[in-house]
Amino acid sequence: MRELLELFAGMLEYPQPGLAALARECERRAGSQAAGEMREFRRFVEATPPAGLEEAYTAAFDLSAESCPYAGYHLFGEGYQRSAFMQMLKARYRARGFDAGSELPDHLSSLLRFAAACGKGEEREVILREAVLPALQRMTPPPGPGYAAVLKALAATLAGG
């Protein structure tokens, strides 16, 4: 599971070289339902030039709040509760020596990398069960081809499929 979480985190970051390789490896490791979604995403990545991938990412995650990749927004909106959630995440990250880089702590890629870093155990399960999966369930699928498949594959993986 750790490796799958890392792969999904990489695919949910702004597109970088090697995205097709991440998708291919995720397709290989994922369960049957998720593998089908990852196949669709891999084909999309292989057929799309880098500038097109950047445009697709922006259209999928940056133009609509309903499909933004921030779990705290989907769980709490833009108010105080989201701020408290992010402070709690920062404290957990610090306690484990985890660095979320330049992303906000509630970005799906940060949460997935943290869950991977936690290894098996209650803390990883809490992050996935109480933050990532509910956020995925509340997100509106992003428009256009590509990234909706990643979100569906991630949800299927977390649900055990």
C-alpha atoms as a PDB file:
ATOM      1  CA  MET A   1       0.000   0.000   0.000  1.00  0.00           C
ATOM      2  CA  ARG A   2       2.863   2.388   0.809  1.00  0.00           C
ATOM      3  CA  GLU A   3       4.118   2.296  -2.781  1.00  0.00           C
ATOM      4  CA  LEU A   4       0.627   2.830  -4.216  1.00  0.00           C
ATOM      5  CA  LEU A   5       0.089   5.849  -1.983  1.00  0.00           C
ATOM      6  CA  GLU A   6       3.382   7.338  -3.209  1.00  0.00           C
ATOM      7  CA  LEU A   7       2.407   6.689  -6.843  1.00  0.00           C
ATOM      8  CA  PHE A   8      -0.989   8.349  -6.421  1.00  0.00           C
ATOM      9  CA  ALA A   9       0.658  11.301  -4.649  1.00  0.00           C
ATOM     10  CA  GLY A  10       2.970  11.788  -7.612  1.00  0.00           C
ATOM     11  CA  MET A  11       0.105  11.697 -10.079  1.00  0.00           C
ATOM     12  CA  LEU A  12      -1.862  14.287  -8.108  1.00  0.00           C
ATOM     13  CA  GLU A  13       0.975  16.808  -8.148  1.00  0.00           C
ATOM     14  CA  TYR A  14       1.477  19.299 -10.945  1.00  0.00           C
ATOM     15  CA  PRO A  15       2.641  17.244 -13.964  1.00  0.00           C
ATOM     16  CA  GLN A  16       6.337  16.430 -14.068  1.00  0.00           C
ATOM     17  CA  PRO A  17       8.428  14.311 -16.428  1.00  0.00           C
ATOM     18  CA  GLY A  18       7.886  10.637 -15.666  1.00  0.00           C
ATOM     19  CA  LEU A  19       4.130  10.912 -15.153  1.00  0.00           C
ATOM     20  CA  ALA A  20       3.448   8.102 -17.638  1.00  0.00           C
ATOM     21  CA  ALA A  21       5.858   5.835 -15.760  1.00  0.00           C
ATOM     22  CA  LEU A  22       4.025   6.553 -12.483  1.00  0.00           C
ATOM     23  CA  ALA A  23       0.706   5.740 -14.131  1.00  0.00           C
ATOM     24  CA  ARG A  24       2.109   2.540 -15.677  1.00  0.00           C
ATOM     25  CA  GLU A  25       3.501   1.362 -12.326  1.00  0.00           C
ATOM     26  CA  CYS A  26       0.256   2.206 -10.541  1.00  0.00           C
ATOM     27  CA  GLU A  27      -1.706   0.339 -13.204  1.00  0.00           C
ATOM     28  CA  ARG A  28       0.553  -2.693 -12.632  1.00  0.00           C
ATOM     29  CA  ARG A  29       0.182  -2.653  -8.822  1.00  0.00           C
ATOM     30  CA  ALA A  30      -3.467  -1.632  -8.444  1.00  0.00           C
ATOM     31  CA  GLY A  31      -6.484  -3.852  -7.985  1.00  0.00           C
ATOM     32  CA  SER A  32      -8.595  -4.669 -11.039  1.00  0.00           C
ATOM     33  CA  GLN A  33     -11.045  -1.750 -10.776  1.00  0.00           C
ATOM     34  CA  ALA A  34      -8.301   0.799 -10.129  1.00  0.00           C
ATOM     35  CA  ALA A  35      -6.076  -0.696 -12.839  1.00  0.00           C
ATOM     36  CA  GLY A  36      -8.718  -0.007 -15.475  1.00  0.00           C
ATOM     37  CA  GLU A  37      -8.915   3.635 -14.436  1.00  0.00           C
ATOM     38  CA  MET A  38      -5.123   3.884 -14.399  1.00  0.00           C
ATOM     39  CA  ARG A  39      -4.942   2.394 -17.890  1.00  0.00           C
ATOM     40  CA  GLU A  40      -7.223   5.189 -19.079  1.00  0.00           C
ATOM     41  CA  PHE A  41      -5.053   7.801 -17.368  1.00  0.00           C
ATOM     42  CA  ARG A  42      -1.804   6.296 -18.689  1.00  0.00           C
ATOM     43  CA  ARG A  43      -3.138   6.374 -22.246  1.00  0.00           C
ATOM     44  CA  PHE A  44      -4.202   9.986 -21.769  1.00  0.00           C
ATOM     45  CA  VAL A  45      -0.735  10.947 -20.469  1.00  0.00           C
ATOM     46  CA  GLU A  46       1.061   9.103 -23.269  1.00  0.00           C
ATOM     47  CA  ALA A  47      -1.064  10.842 -25.898  1.00  0.00           C
ATOM     48  CA  THR A  48      -0.800  14.355 -24.428  1.00  0.00           C
ATOM     49  CA  PRO A  49       2.194  16.679 -24.757  1.00  0.00           C
ATOM     50  CA  PRO A  50       3.615  18.232 -21.553  1.00  0.00           C
ATOM     51  CA  ALA A  51       1.880  21.588 -22.086  1.00  0.00           C
ATOM     52  CA  GLY A  52      -1.417  19.754 -22.588  1.00  0.00           C
ATOM     53  CA  LEU A  53      -0.901  17.843 -19.327  1.00  0.00           C
ATOM     54  CA  GLU A  54      -0.316  21.110 -17.505  1.00  0.00           C
ATOM     55  CA  GLU A  55      -3.497  22.565 -19.001  1.00  0.00           C
ATOM     56  CA  ALA A  56      -5.457  19.428 -18.080  1.00  0.00           C
ATOM     57  CA  TYR A  57      -4.176  19.561 -14.498  1.00  0.00           C
ATOM     58  CA  THR A  58      -5.090  23.221 -14.167  1.00  0.00           C
ATOM     59  CA  ALA A  59      -8.546  22.621 -15.649  1.00  0.00           C
ATOM     60  CA  ALA A  60      -9.090  19.611 -13.397  1.00  0.00           C
ATOM     61  CA  PHE A  61      -7.970  21.065 -10.069  1.00  0.00           C
ATOM     62  CA  ASP A  62      -7.429  24.822 -10.163  1.00  0.00           C
ATOM     63  CA  LEU A  63     -10.471  26.270 -11.918  1.00  0.00           C
ATOM     64  CA  SER A  64     -13.236  24.904  -9.708  1.00  0.00           C
ATOM     65  CA  ALA A  65     -13.433  24.725  -5.936  1.00  0.00           C
ATOM     66  CA  GLU A  66     -15.593  21.605  -6.238  1.00  0.00           C
ATOM     67  CA  SER A  67     -12.696  19.645  -7.724  1.00  0.00           C
ATOM     68  CA  CYS A  68      -9.758  21.283  -5.921  1.00  0.00           C
ATOM     69  CA  PRO A  69      -7.245  18.817  -4.426  1.00  0.00           C
ATOM     70  CA  TYR A  70      -7.492  20.155  -0.862  1.00  0.00           C
ATOM     71  CA  ALA A  71      -9.140  17.714   1.533  1.00  0.00           C
ATOM     72  CA  GLY A  72      -9.706  20.373   4.178  1.00  0.00           C
ATOM     73  CA  TYR A  73     -11.772  22.443   1.774  1.00  0.00           C
ATOM     74  CA  HIS A  74     -14.042  19.484   0.996  1.00  0.00           C
ATOM     75  CA  LEU A  75     -14.368  18.512   4.646  1.00  0.00           C
ATOM     76  CA  PHE A  76     -14.774  21.956   6.236  1.00  0.00           C
ATOM     77  CA  GLY A  77     -15.076  24.691   3.605  1.00  0.00           C
ATOM     78  CA  GLU A  78     -12.969  27.844   3.828  1.00  0.00           C
ATOM     79  CA  GLY A  79     -13.548  28.655   7.493  1.00  0.00           C
ATOM     80  CA  TYR A  80     -11.870  28.242  10.841  1.00  0.00           C
ATOM     81  CA  GLN A  81     -12.314  24.462  10.880  1.00  0.00           C
ATOM     82  CA  ARG A  82     -10.143  24.065   7.788  1.00  0.00           C
ATOM     83  CA  SER A  83      -7.459  26.239   9.395  1.00  0.00           C
ATOM     84  CA  ALA A  84      -7.588  24.118  12.547  1.00  0.00           C
ATOM     85  CA  PHE A  85      -7.390  20.968  10.421  1.00  0.00           C
ATOM     86  CA  MET A  86      -4.294  22.276   8.638  1.00  0.00           C
ATOM     87  CA  GLN A  87      -2.661  23.201  11.950  1.00  0.00           C
ATOM     88  CA  MET A  88      -3.347  19.691  13.247  1.00  0.00           C
ATOM     89  CA  LEU A  89      -1.795  18.227  10.071  1.00  0.00           C
ATOM     90  CA  LYS A  90       1.276  20.446  10.423  1.00  0.00           C
ATOM     91  CA  ALA A  91       1.711  19.240  14.014  1.00  0.00           C
ATOM     92  CA  ARG A  92       1.436  15.590  12.926  1.00  0.00           C
ATOM     93  CA  TYR A  93       3.863  16.194  10.081  1.00  0.00           C
ATOM     94  CA  ARG A  94       6.372  17.841  12.449  1.00  0.00           C
ATOM     95  CA  ALA A  95       6.063  15.041  15.001  1.00  0.00           C
ATOM     96  CA  ARG A  96       7.024  12.508  12.322  1.00  0.00           C
ATOM     97  CA  GLY A  97       9.676  14.672  10.686  1.00  0.00           C
ATOM     98  CA  PHE A  98       7.636  14.817   7.497  1.00  0.00           C
ATOM     99  CA  ASP A  99       8.090  17.724   5.078  1.00  0.00           C
ATOM    100  CA  ALA A 100       5.116  18.535   2.829  1.00  0.00           C
ATOM    101  CA  GLY A 101       7.286  20.785   0.684  1.00  0.00           C
ATOM    102  CA  SER A 102       5.617  23.789  -0.885  1.00  0.00           C
ATOM    103  CA  GLU A 103       2.087  22.327  -0.888  1.00  0.00           C
ATOM    104  CA  LEU A 104      -0.497  23.116   1.754  1.00  0.00           C
ATOM    105  CA  PRO A 105      -0.742  20.321   4.313  1.00  0.00           C
ATOM    106  CA  ASP A 106      -4.250  19.341   3.202  1.00  0.00           C
ATOM    107  CA  HIS A 107      -3.334  18.829  -0.480  1.00  0.00           C
ATOM    108  CA  LEU A 108      -4.148  15.248  -1.452  1.00  0.00           C
ATOM    109  CA  SER A 109      -0.567  14.603  -2.543  1.00  0.00           C
ATOM    110  CA  SER A 110       0.745  15.742   0.874  1.00  0.00           C
ATOM    111  CA  LEU A 111      -1.777  13.622   2.732  1.00  0.00           C
ATOM    112  CA  LEU A 112      -0.966  10.553   0.624  1.00  0.00           C
ATOM    113  CA  ARG A 113       2.792  10.984   1.063  1.00  0.00           C
ATOM    114  CA  PHE A 114       2.312  11.403   4.808  1.00  0.00           C
ATOM    115  CA  ALA A 115       0.117   8.305   4.980  1.00  0.00           C
ATOM    116  CA  ALA A 116       2.804   6.395   3.082  1.00  0.00           C
ATOM    117  CA  ALA A 117       5.471   7.674   5.474  1.00  0.00           C
ATOM    118  CA  CYS A 118       3.415   6.542   8.475  1.00  0.00           C
ATOM    119  CA  GLY A 119       3.574   2.924   7.396  1.00  0.00           C
ATOM    120  CA  LYS A 120       0.959   0.454   8.535  1.00  0.00           C
ATOM    121  CA  GLY A 121      -0.892   1.568  11.594  1.00  0.00           C
ATOM    122  CA  GLU A 122      -3.633   3.643  13.097  1.00  0.00           C
ATOM    123  CA  GLU A 123      -2.305   7.050  12.071  1.00  0.00           C
ATOM    124  CA  ARG A 124      -2.210   6.088   8.384  1.00  0.00           C
ATOM    125  CA  GLU A 125      -5.683   4.592   8.584  1.00  0.00           C
ATOM    126  CA  VAL A 126      -7.089   7.712  10.270  1.00  0.00           C
ATOM    127  CA  ILE A 127      -5.635   9.995   7.575  1.00  0.00           C
ATOM    128  CA  LEU A 128      -7.001   7.814   4.785  1.00  0.00           C
ATOM    129  CA  ARG A 129     -10.367   7.020   6.386  1.00  0.00           C
ATOM    130  CA  GLU A 130     -11.180  10.416   7.896  1.00  0.00           C
ATOM    131  CA  ALA A 131      -9.564  12.834   5.440  1.00  0.00           C
ATOM    132  CA  VAL A 132      -8.641  11.422   2.039  1.00  0.00           C
ATOM    133  CA  LEU A 133     -11.567   9.095   1.343  1.00  0.00           C
ATOM    134  CA  PRO A 134     -14.299  11.515   2.525  1.00  0.00           C
ATOM    135  CA  ALA A 135     -12.719  14.322   0.493  1.00  0.00           C
ATOM    136  CA  LEU A 136     -12.701  12.107  -2.603  1.00  0.00           C
ATOM    137  CA  GLN A 137     -16.359  11.260  -2.036  1.00  0.00           C
ATOM    138  CA  ARG A 138     -17.275  14.958  -1.832  1.00  0.00           C
ATOM    139  CA  MET A 139     -15.207  16.115  -4.795  1.00  0.00           C
ATOM    140  CA  THR A 140     -16.927  16.816  -8.076  1.00  0.00           C
ATOM    141  CA  PRO A 141     -15.077  14.834 -10.754  1.00  0.00           C
ATOM    142  CA  PRO A 142     -12.833  17.193 -12.683  1.00  0.00           C
ATOM    143  CA  PRO A 143     -13.895  18.008 -16.218  1.00  0.00           C
ATOM    144  CA  GLY A 144     -12.245  16.554 -19.278  1.00  0.00           C
ATOM    145  CA  PRO A 145     -10.237  13.399 -19.767  1.00  0.00           C
ATOM    146  CA  GLY A 146      -7.511  12.275 -17.458  1.00  0.00           C
ATOM    147  CA  TYR A 147      -7.517  13.249 -13.823  1.00  0.00           C
ATOM    148  CA  ALA A 148     -11.004  12.000 -12.979  1.00  0.00           C
ATOM    149  CA  ALA A 149      -9.621   8.510 -13.663  1.00  0.00           C
ATOM    150  CA  VAL A 150      -6.847   9.016 -11.085  1.00  0.00           C
ATOM    151  CA  LEU A 151      -9.350  10.071  -8.427  1.00  0.00           C
ATOM    152  CA  LYS A 152     -11.614   7.100  -9.222  1.00  0.00           C
ATOM    153  CA  ALA A 153      -8.646   4.711  -9.049  1.00  0.00           C
ATOM    154  CA  LEU A 154      -7.516   6.185  -5.732  1.00  0.00           C
ATOM    155  CA  ALA A 155     -11.017   5.882  -4.263  1.00  0.00           C
ATOM    156  CA  ALA A 156     -11.268   2.271  -5.466  1.00  0.00           C
ATOM    157  CA  THR A 157      -7.862   1.475  -3.977  1.00  0.00           C
ATOM    158  CA  LEU A 158      -8.745   2.977  -0.601  1.00  0.00           C
ATOM    159  CA  ALA A 159     -12.069   1.139  -0.629  1.00  0.00           C
ATOM    160  CA  GLY A 160     -10.208  -2.113  -1.231  1.00  0.00           C
ATOM    161  CA  GLY A 161     -10.795  -2.576  -4.975  1.00  0.00           C
END
